[in-house]
PDB file of N, CA and C in Angstrom:
ATOM      1  N   UNK A   1      17.978  -7.141  10.991  1.00  0.00           N
ATOM      2  CA  UNK A   1      18.280  -8.505  10.629  1.00  0.00           C
ATOM      3  C   UNK A   1      19.800  -8.685  10.693  1.00  0.00           C
ATOM      4  N   UNK A   2      20.207  -9.747  11.307  1.00  0.00           N
ATOM      5  CA  UNK A   2      21.624 -10.066  11.385  1.00  0.00           C
ATOM      6  C   UNK A   2      22.005 -11.039  10.269  1.00  0.00           C
ATOM      7  N   UNK A   3      23.298 -11.217  10.098  1.00  0.00           N
ATOM      8  CA  UNK A   3      23.772 -12.125   9.055  1.00  0.00           C
ATOM      9  C   UNK A   3      23.316 -13.558   9.329  1.00  0.00           C
ATOM     10  N   UNK A   4      23.322 -13.978  10.586  1.00  0.00           N
ATOM     11  CA  UNK A   4      22.899 -15.343  10.907  1.00  0.00           C
ATOM     12  C   UNK A   4      21.409 -15.555  10.628  1.00  0.00           C
ATOM     13  N   UNK A   5      20.580 -14.547  10.868  1.00  0.00           N
ATOM     14  CA  UNK A   5      19.151 -14.640  10.555  1.00  0.00           C
ATOM     15  C   UNK A   5      18.963 -14.718   9.043  1.00  0.00           C
ATOM     16  N   UNK A   6      19.736 -13.937   8.293  1.00  0.00           N
ATOM     17  CA  UNK A   6      19.673 -13.987   6.838  1.00  0.00           C
ATOM     18  C   UNK A   6      20.049 -15.383   6.331  1.00  0.00           C
ATOM     19  N   UNK A   7      21.096 -15.956   6.881  1.00  0.00           N
ATOM     20  CA  UNK A   7      21.520 -17.306   6.495  1.00  0.00           C
ATOM     21  C   UNK A   7      20.427 -18.318   6.799  1.00  0.00           C
ATOM     22  N   UNK A   8      19.816 -18.201   7.975  1.00  0.00           N
ATOM     23  CA  UNK A   8      18.731 -19.119   8.344  1.00  0.00           C
ATOM     24  C   UNK A   8      17.552 -19.007   7.383  1.00  0.00           C
ATOM     25  N   UNK A   9      17.162 -17.793   7.037  1.00  0.00           N
ATOM     26  CA  UNK A   9      16.014 -17.597   6.136  1.00  0.00           C
ATOM     27  C   UNK A   9      16.290 -18.153   4.746  1.00  0.00           C
ATOM     28  N   UNK A  10      17.497 -17.944   4.258  1.00  0.00           N
ATOM     29  CA  UNK A  10      17.840 -18.468   2.931  1.00  0.00           C
ATOM     30  C   UNK A  10      17.861 -19.988   2.955  1.00  0.00           C
ATOM     31  N   UNK A  11      18.458 -20.585   3.983  1.00  0.00           N
ATOM     32  CA  UNK A  11      18.542 -22.046   4.044  1.00  0.00           C
ATOM     33  C   UNK A  11      17.163 -22.683   4.212  1.00  0.00           C
ATOM     34  N   UNK A  12      16.211 -21.970   4.832  1.00  0.00           N
ATOM     35  CA  UNK A  12      14.841 -22.478   4.947  1.00  0.00           C
ATOM     36  C   UNK A  12      14.130 -22.464   3.594  1.00  0.00           C
ATOM     37  N   UNK A  13      14.374 -21.438   2.789  1.00  0.00           N
ATOM     38  CA  UNK A  13      13.666 -21.278   1.513  1.00  0.00           C
ATOM     39  C   UNK A  13      14.239 -22.141   0.397  1.00  0.00           C
ATOM     40  N   UNK A  14      15.527 -22.431   0.451  1.00  0.00           N
ATOM     41  CA  UNK A  14      16.173 -23.173  -0.634  1.00  0.00           C
ATOM     42  C   UNK A  14      16.349 -24.625  -0.204  1.00  0.00           C
ATOM     43  N   UNK A  15      15.654 -25.513  -0.891  1.00  0.00           N
ATOM     44  CA  UNK A  15      15.786 -26.941  -0.596  1.00  0.00           C
ATOM     45  C   UNK A  15      17.104 -27.459  -1.165  1.00  0.00           C
ATOM     46  N   UNK A  16      17.706 -28.381  -0.454  1.00  0.00           N
ATOM     47  CA  UNK A  16      18.927 -29.009  -0.940  1.00  0.00           C
ATOM     48  C   UNK A  16      20.201 -28.341  -0.488  1.00  0.00           C
ATOM     49  N   UNK A  17      20.106 -27.204   0.189  1.00  0.00           N
ATOM     50  CA  UNK A  17      21.295 -26.538   0.710  1.00  0.00           C
ATOM     51  C   UNK A  17      21.307 -26.630   2.233  1.00  0.00           C
ATOM     52  N   UNK A  18      22.450 -27.001   2.766  1.00  0.00           N
ATOM     53  CA  UNK A  18      22.590 -27.031   4.221  1.00  0.00           C
ATOM     54  C   UNK A  18      22.852 -25.614   4.713  1.00  0.00           C
ATOM     55  N   UNK A  19      22.771 -25.437   6.012  1.00  0.00           N
ATOM     56  CA  UNK A  19      23.050 -24.129   6.594  1.00  0.00           C
ATOM     57  C   UNK A  19      24.495 -23.720   6.331  1.00  0.00           C
ATOM     58  N   UNK A  20      25.411 -24.661   6.391  1.00  0.00           N
ATOM     59  CA  UNK A  20      26.826 -24.385   6.157  1.00  0.00           C
ATOM     60  C   UNK A  20      27.061 -23.937   4.709  1.00  0.00           C
ATOM     61  N   UNK A  21      26.407 -24.603   3.744  1.00  0.00           N
ATOM     62  CA  UNK A  21      26.534 -24.207   2.349  1.00  0.00           C
ATOM     63  C   UNK A  21      25.961 -22.811   2.120  1.00  0.00           C
ATOM     64  N   UNK A  22      24.839 -22.543   2.758  1.00  0.00           N
ATOM     65  CA  UNK A  22      24.222 -21.218   2.647  1.00  0.00           C
ATOM     66  C   UNK A  22      25.134 -20.159   3.250  1.00  0.00           C
ATOM     67  N   UNK A  23      25.764 -20.476   4.363  1.00  0.00           N
ATOM     68  CA  UNK A  23      26.684 -19.542   5.012  1.00  0.00           C
ATOM     69  C   UNK A  23      27.862 -19.220   4.089  1.00  0.00           C
ATOM     70  N   UNK A  24      28.373 -20.210   3.386  1.00  0.00           N
ATOM     71  CA  UNK A  24      29.481 -19.997   2.452  1.00  0.00           C
ATOM     72  C   UNK A  24      29.044 -19.075   1.313  1.00  0.00           C
ATOM     73  N   UNK A  25      27.837 -19.282   0.811  1.00  0.00           N
ATOM     74  CA  UNK A  25      27.314 -18.445  -0.277  1.00  0.00           C
ATOM     75  C   UNK A  25      27.165 -16.992   0.180  1.00  0.00           C
ATOM     76  N   UNK A  26      26.564 -16.788   1.345  1.00  0.00           N
ATOM     77  CA  UNK A  26      26.364 -15.428   1.860  1.00  0.00           C
ATOM     78  C   UNK A  26      27.712 -14.755   2.110  1.00  0.00           C
ATOM     79  N   UNK A  27      28.660 -15.464   2.690  1.00  0.00           N
ATOM     80  CA  UNK A  27      29.992 -14.912   2.938  1.00  0.00           C
ATOM     81  C   UNK A  27      30.675 -14.537   1.623  1.00  0.00           C
ATOM     82  N   UNK A  28      30.516 -15.375   0.600  1.00  0.00           N
ATOM     83  CA  UNK A  28      31.116 -15.101  -0.704  1.00  0.00           C
ATOM     84  C   UNK A  28      30.529 -13.835  -1.322  1.00  0.00           C
ATOM     85  N   UNK A  29      29.214 -13.669  -1.201  1.00  0.00           N
ATOM     86  CA  UNK A  29      28.564 -12.462  -1.723  1.00  0.00           C
ATOM     87  C   UNK A  29      29.088 -11.224  -1.002  1.00  0.00           C
ATOM     88  N   UNK A  30      29.135 -11.263   0.321  1.00  0.00           N
ATOM     89  CA  UNK A  30      29.618 -10.114   1.084  1.00  0.00           C
ATOM     90  C   UNK A  30      31.087  -9.821   0.800  1.00  0.00           C
ATOM     91  N   UNK A  31      31.902 -10.868   0.675  1.00  0.00           N
ATOM     92  CA  UNK A  31      33.315 -10.671   0.358  1.00  0.00           C
ATOM     93  C   UNK A  31      33.489 -10.053  -1.021  1.00  0.00           C
ATOM     94  N   UNK A  32      32.670 -10.474  -1.975  1.00  0.00           N
ATOM     95  CA  UNK A  32      32.740  -9.920  -3.328  1.00  0.00           C
ATOM     96  C   UNK A  32      32.358  -8.444  -3.335  1.00  0.00           C
ATOM     97  N   UNK A  33      31.335  -8.094  -2.590  1.00  0.00           N
ATOM     98  CA  UNK A  33      30.915  -6.693  -2.487  1.00  0.00           C
ATOM     99  C   UNK A  33      32.018  -5.876  -1.826  1.00  0.00           C
ATOM    100  N   UNK A  34      32.566  -6.386  -0.737  1.00  0.00           N
ATOM    101  CA  UNK A  34      33.630  -5.689  -0.012  1.00  0.00           C
ATOM    102  C   UNK A  34      34.855  -5.481  -0.905  1.00  0.00           C
ATOM    103  N   UNK A  35      35.234  -6.514  -1.657  1.00  0.00           N
ATOM    104  CA  UNK A  35      36.400  -6.438  -2.538  1.00  0.00           C
ATOM    105  C   UNK A  35      36.179  -5.424  -3.662  1.00  0.00           C
ATOM    106  N   UNK A  36      34.990  -5.447  -4.267  1.00  0.00           N
ATOM    107  CA  UNK A  36      34.692  -4.512  -5.354  1.00  0.00           C
ATOM    108  C   UNK A  36      34.712  -3.068  -4.854  1.00  0.00           C
ATOM    109  N   UNK A  37      34.133  -2.824  -3.691  1.00  0.00           N
ATOM    110  CA  UNK A  37      34.127  -1.465  -3.147  1.00  0.00           C
ATOM    111  C   UNK A  37      35.533  -1.001  -2.796  1.00  0.00           C
ATOM    112  N   UNK A  38      36.363  -1.907  -2.292  1.00  0.00           N
ATOM    113  CA  UNK A  38      37.730  -1.509  -1.946  1.00  0.00           C
ATOM    114  C   UNK A  38      38.535  -1.158  -3.192  1.00  0.00           C
ATOM    115  N   UNK A  39      38.142  -1.697  -4.360  1.00  0.00           N
ATOM    116  CA  UNK A  39      38.794  -1.352  -5.627  1.00  0.00           C
ATOM    117  C   UNK A  39      38.188  -0.091  -6.239  1.00  0.00           C
ATOM    118  N   UNK A  40      37.157   0.460  -5.608  1.00  0.00           N
ATOM    119  CA  UNK A  40      36.518   1.668  -6.118  1.00  0.00           C
ATOM    120  C   UNK A  40      35.421   1.395  -7.131  1.00  0.00           C
ATOM    121  N   UNK A  41      35.018   0.145  -7.270  1.00  0.00           N
ATOM    122  CA  UNK A  41      33.971  -0.200  -8.221  1.00  0.00           C
ATOM    123  C   UNK A  41      32.596   0.090  -7.639  1.00  0.00           C
ATOM    124  N   UNK A  42      31.640   0.290  -8.518  1.00  0.00           N
ATOM    125  CA  UNK A  42      30.256   0.532  -8.120  1.00  0.00           C
ATOM    126  C   UNK A  42      29.512  -0.805  -8.119  1.00  0.00           C
ATOM    127  N   UNK A  43      28.684  -1.036  -7.122  1.00  0.00           N
ATOM    128  CA  UNK A  43      27.876  -2.247  -7.025  1.00  0.00           C
ATOM    129  C   UNK A  43      26.440  -1.862  -7.362  1.00  0.00           C
ATOM    130  N   UNK A  44      25.875  -2.517  -8.364  1.00  0.00           N
ATOM    131  CA  UNK A  44      24.491  -2.239  -8.748  1.00  0.00           C
ATOM    132  C   UNK A  44      23.694  -3.529  -8.670  1.00  0.00           C
ATOM    133  N   UNK A  45      22.691  -3.545  -7.800  1.00  0.00           N
ATOM    134  CA  UNK A  45      21.796  -4.689  -7.657  1.00  0.00           C
ATOM    135  C   UNK A  45      20.420  -4.200  -8.095  1.00  0.00           C
ATOM    136  N   UNK A  46      20.023  -4.603  -9.292  1.00  0.00           N
ATOM    137  CA  UNK A  46      18.766  -4.116  -9.875  1.00  0.00           C
ATOM    138  C   UNK A  46      17.593  -4.405  -8.947  1.00  0.00           C
ATOM    139  N   UNK A  47      16.751  -3.406  -8.760  1.00  0.00           N
ATOM    140  CA  UNK A  47      15.576  -3.538  -7.918  1.00  0.00           C
ATOM    141  C   UNK A  47      15.865  -3.332  -6.449  1.00  0.00           C
ATOM    142  N   UNK A  48      17.152  -3.265  -6.071  1.00  0.00           N
ATOM    143  CA  UNK A  48      17.519  -3.076  -4.668  1.00  0.00           C
ATOM    144  C   UNK A  48      18.207  -1.734  -4.474  1.00  0.00           C
ATOM    145  N   UNK A  49      19.321  -1.529  -5.171  1.00  0.00           N
ATOM    146  CA  UNK A  49      20.013  -0.256  -5.051  1.00  0.00           C
ATOM    147  C   UNK A  49      21.451  -0.318  -5.514  1.00  0.00           C
ATOM    148  N   UNK A  50      22.146   0.807  -5.356  1.00  0.00           N
ATOM    149  CA  UNK A  50      23.538   0.949  -5.763  1.00  0.00           C
ATOM    150  C   UNK A  50      24.399   1.301  -4.553  1.00  0.00           C
ATOM    151  N   UNK A  51      25.560   0.695  -4.495  1.00  0.00           N
ATOM    152  CA  UNK A  51      26.557   1.029  -3.485  1.00  0.00           C
ATOM    153  C   UNK A  51      27.761   1.610  -4.209  1.00  0.00           C
ATOM    154  N   UNK A  52      28.309   2.690  -3.700  1.00  0.00           N
ATOM    155  CA  UNK A  52      29.556   3.222  -4.242  1.00  0.00           C
ATOM    156  C   UNK A  52      30.257   4.050  -3.170  1.00  0.00           C
ATOM    157  N   UNK A  53      31.536   4.287  -3.413  1.00  0.00           N
ATOM    158  CA  UNK A  53      32.313   5.091  -2.482  1.00  0.00           C
ATOM    159  C   UNK A  53      32.329   6.533  -2.944  1.00  0.00           C
ATOM    160  N   UNK A  54      32.241   7.429  -1.996  1.00  0.00           N
ATOM    161  CA  UNK A  54      32.392   8.853  -2.275  1.00  0.00           C
ATOM    162  C   UNK A  54      33.594   9.340  -1.487  1.00  0.00           C
ATOM    163  N   UNK A  55      34.336  10.264  -2.092  1.00  0.00           N
ATOM    164  CA  UNK A  55      35.496  10.831  -1.427  1.00  0.00           C
ATOM    165  C   UNK A  55      35.054  12.044  -0.612  1.00  0.00           C
ATOM    166  N   UNK A  56      35.349  12.011   0.658  1.00  0.00           N
ATOM    167  CA  UNK A  56      35.060  13.159   1.509  1.00  0.00           C
ATOM    168  C   UNK A  56      36.347  13.968   1.652  1.00  0.00           C
ATOM    169  N   UNK A  57      36.286  15.258   1.380  1.00  0.00           N
ATOM    170  CA  UNK A  57      37.473  16.119   1.405  1.00  0.00           C
ATOM    171  C   UNK A  57      37.967  16.348   2.836  1.00  0.00           C
ATOM    172  N   UNK A  58      39.239  16.672   2.973  1.00  0.00           N
ATOM    173  CA  UNK A  58      39.731  17.022   4.317  1.00  0.00           C
ATOM    174  C   UNK A  58      39.095  18.338   4.757  1.00  0.00           C
ATOM    175  N   UNK A  59      38.966  18.497   6.049  1.00  0.00           N
ATOM    176  CA  UNK A  59      38.333  19.723   6.557  1.00  0.00           C
ATOM    177  C   UNK A  59      38.858  20.047   7.943  1.00  0.00           C
ATOM    178  N   UNK A  60      38.564  21.237   8.380  1.00  0.00           N
ATOM    179  CA  UNK A  60      38.903  21.658   9.730  1.00  0.00           C
ATOM    180  C   UNK A  60      37.624  21.620  10.548  1.00  0.00           C
ATOM    181  N   UNK A  61      37.668  20.869  11.633  1.00  0.00           N
ATOM    182  CA  UNK A  61      36.508  20.760  12.519  1.00  0.00           C
ATOM    183  C   UNK A  61      36.867  21.375  13.869  1.00  0.00           C
ATOM    184  N   UNK A  62      35.905  21.370  14.774  1.00  0.00           N
ATOM    185  CA  UNK A  62      36.125  21.942  16.091  1.00  0.00           C
ATOM    186  C   UNK A  62      35.757  20.905  17.136  1.00  0.00           C
ATOM    187  N   UNK A  63      36.630  20.737  18.112  1.00  0.00           N
ATOM    188  CA  UNK A  63      36.349  19.864  19.239  1.00  0.00           C
ATOM    189  C   UNK A  63      35.304  20.566  20.112  1.00  0.00           C
ATOM    190  N   UNK A  64      34.112  19.982  20.266  1.00  0.00           N
ATOM    191  CA  UNK A  64      33.059  20.681  21.012  1.00  0.00           C
ATOM    192  C   UNK A  64      33.372  20.851  22.502  1.00  0.00           C
ATOM    193  N   UNK A  65      34.203  19.988  23.034  1.00  0.00           N
ATOM    194  CA  UNK A  65      34.520  20.066  24.464  1.00  0.00           C
ATOM    195  C   UNK A  65      35.516  21.177  24.761  1.00  0.00           C
ATOM    196  N   UNK A  66      36.563  21.269  23.946  1.00  0.00           N
ATOM    197  CA  UNK A  66      37.620  22.241  24.212  1.00  0.00           C
ATOM    198  C   UNK A  66      37.562  23.456  23.301  1.00  0.00           C
ATOM    199  N   UNK A  67      36.907  23.333  22.153  1.00  0.00           N
ATOM    200  CA  UNK A  67      36.851  24.434  21.203  1.00  0.00           C
ATOM    201  C   UNK A  67      38.062  24.495  20.293  1.00  0.00           C
ATOM    202  N   UNK A  68      39.015  23.585  20.457  1.00  0.00           N
ATOM    203  CA  UNK A  68      40.212  23.559  19.622  1.00  0.00           C
ATOM    204  C   UNK A  68      39.865  23.128  18.201  1.00  0.00           C
ATOM    205  N   UNK A  69      40.638  23.657  17.247  1.00  0.00           N
ATOM    206  CA  UNK A  69      40.452  23.249  15.856  1.00  0.00           C
ATOM    207  C   UNK A  69      41.175  21.921  15.642  1.00  0.00           C
ATOM    208  N   UNK A  70      40.525  21.043  14.886  1.00  0.00           N
ATOM    209  CA  UNK A  70      41.062  19.718  14.612  1.00  0.00           C
ATOM    210  C   UNK A  70      41.015  19.486  13.107  1.00  0.00           C
ATOM    211  N   UNK A  71      42.126  18.995  12.543  1.00  0.00           N
ATOM    212  CA  UNK A  71      42.165  18.672  11.122  1.00  0.00           C
ATOM    213  C   UNK A  71      41.607  17.263  10.916  1.00  0.00           C
ATOM    214  N   UNK A  72      40.587  17.148  10.092  1.00  0.00           N
ATOM    215  CA  UNK A  72      39.988  15.853   9.773  1.00  0.00           C
ATOM    216  C   UNK A  72      40.483  15.464   8.373  1.00  0.00           C
ATOM    217  N   UNK A  73      41.165  14.316   8.255  1.00  0.00           N
ATOM    218  CA  UNK A  73      41.720  13.943   6.951  1.00  0.00           C
ATOM    219  C   UNK A  73      40.640  13.508   5.959  1.00  0.00           C
ATOM    220  N   UNK A  74      41.021  13.455   4.680  1.00  0.00           N
ATOM    221  CA  UNK A  74      40.121  12.964   3.643  1.00  0.00           C
ATOM    222  C   UNK A  74      39.859  11.483   3.869  1.00  0.00           C
ATOM    223  N   UNK A  75      38.670  11.051   3.493  1.00  0.00           N
ATOM    224  CA  UNK A  75      38.355   9.629   3.653  1.00  0.00           C
ATOM    225  C   UNK A  75      37.257   9.237   2.680  1.00  0.00           C
ATOM    226  N   UNK A  76      37.153   7.933   2.463  1.00  0.00           N
ATOM    227  CA  UNK A  76      36.092   7.381   1.628  1.00  0.00           C
ATOM    228  C   UNK A  76      34.912   7.019   2.515  1.00  0.00           C
ATOM    229  N   UNK A  77      33.707   7.320   2.032  1.00  0.00           N
ATOM    230  CA  UNK A  77      32.494   6.949   2.754  1.00  0.00           C
ATOM    231  C   UNK A  77      31.588   6.175   1.807  1.00  0.00           C
ATOM    232  N   UNK A  78      30.872   5.225   2.337  1.00  0.00           N
ATOM    233  CA  UNK A  78      29.968   4.412   1.542  1.00  0.00           C
ATOM    234  C   UNK A  78      28.664   5.168   1.313  1.00  0.00           C
ATOM    235  N   UNK A  79      28.217   5.167   0.071  1.00  0.00           N
ATOM    236  CA  UNK A  79      26.958   5.816  -0.296  1.00  0.00           C
ATOM    237  C   UNK A  79      26.031   4.760  -0.888  1.00  0.00           C
ATOM    238  N   UNK A  80      24.796   4.729  -0.411  1.00  0.00           N
ATOM    239  CA  UNK A  80      23.796   3.798  -0.923  1.00  0.00           C
ATOM    240  C   UNK A  80      22.642   4.591  -1.503  1.00  0.00           C
ATOM    241  N   UNK A  81      22.272   4.248  -2.731  1.00  0.00           N
ATOM    242  CA  UNK A  81      21.114   4.860  -3.364  1.00  0.00           C
ATOM    243  C   UNK A  81      20.094   3.756  -3.607  1.00  0.00           C
ATOM    244  N   UNK A  82      18.935   3.885  -3.010  1.00  0.00           N
ATOM    245  CA  UNK A  82      17.903   2.856  -3.084  1.00  0.00           C
ATOM    246  C   UNK A  82      17.349   2.763  -4.507  1.00  0.00           C
ATOM    247  N   UNK A  83      17.065   1.534  -4.931  1.00  0.00           N
ATOM    248  CA  UNK A  83      16.492   1.298  -6.252  1.00  0.00           C
ATOM    249  C   UNK A  83      15.005   1.599  -6.276  1.00  0.00           C
ATOM    250  N   UNK A  84      14.477   1.830  -7.459  1.00  0.00           N
ATOM    251  CA  UNK A  84      13.074   2.220  -7.606  1.00  0.00           C
ATOM    252  C   UNK A  84      12.122   1.149  -7.077  1.00  0.00           C
ATOM    253  N   UNK A  85      12.376  -0.120  -7.375  1.00  0.00           N
ATOM    254  CA  UNK A  85      11.475  -1.198  -6.926  1.00  0.00           C
ATOM    255  C   UNK A  85      11.422  -1.277  -5.410  1.00  0.00           C
ATOM    256  N   UNK A  86      12.569  -1.165  -4.756  1.00  0.00           N
ATOM    257  CA  UNK A  86      12.602  -1.205  -3.284  1.00  0.00           C
ATOM    258  C   UNK A  86      11.940   0.031  -2.698  1.00  0.00           C
ATOM    259  N   UNK A  87      12.227   1.188  -3.276  1.00  0.00           N
ATOM    260  CA  UNK A  87      11.614   2.433  -2.779  1.00  0.00           C
ATOM    261  C   UNK A  87      10.096   2.373  -2.896  1.00  0.00           C
ATOM    262  N   UNK A  88       9.605   1.885  -4.032  1.00  0.00           N
ATOM    263  CA  UNK A  88       8.150   1.768  -4.218  1.00  0.00           C
ATOM    264  C   UNK A  88       7.544   0.762  -3.236  1.00  0.00           C
ATOM    265  N   UNK A  89       8.253  -0.341  -2.994  1.00  0.00           N
ATOM    266  CA  UNK A  89       7.748  -1.352  -2.050  1.00  0.00           C
ATOM    267  C   UNK A  89       7.699  -0.797  -0.636  1.00  0.00           C
ATOM    268  N   UNK A  90       8.690  -0.012  -0.255  1.00  0.00           N
ATOM    269  CA  UNK A  90       8.713   0.567   1.092  1.00  0.00           C
ATOM    270  C   UNK A  90       7.637   1.632   1.266  1.00  0.00           C
ATOM    271  N   UNK A  91       7.370   2.389   0.225  1.00  0.00           N
ATOM    272  CA  UNK A  91       6.372   3.459   0.319  1.00  0.00           C
ATOM    273  C   UNK A  91       4.951   2.974   0.109  1.00  0.00           C
ATOM    274  N   UNK A  92       4.781   1.741  -0.354  1.00  0.00           N
ATOM    275  CA  UNK A  92       3.439   1.201  -0.567  1.00  0.00           C
ATOM    276  C   UNK A  92       2.791   0.762   0.743  1.00  0.00           C
ATOM    277  N   UNK A  93       3.564   0.607   1.782  1.00  0.00           N
ATOM    278  CA  UNK A  93       3.023   0.128   3.070  1.00  0.00           C
ATOM    279  C   UNK A  93       2.355   1.226   3.842  1.00  0.00           C
TER     280      UNK A  93
END
């Protein structure tokens, strides 16, 4: 599902909102999630799941083509843990 399909589905289900208003709402939600994660905050959406950042340590890797050692710097990676309600709904099918 793309963002535009999500906007279309929401605007179809909610009476009284135009597509443009729905687009603003969806953008605001995504911007809020992005901003919270960039501050290192955890996002918890009950029944759906949790988003948080994990710190990945620096490491030495190997270039598979040349075999040379390459230093990979530390970085943040997004971690998603599915909520119980969503997990149960997915496994019920």
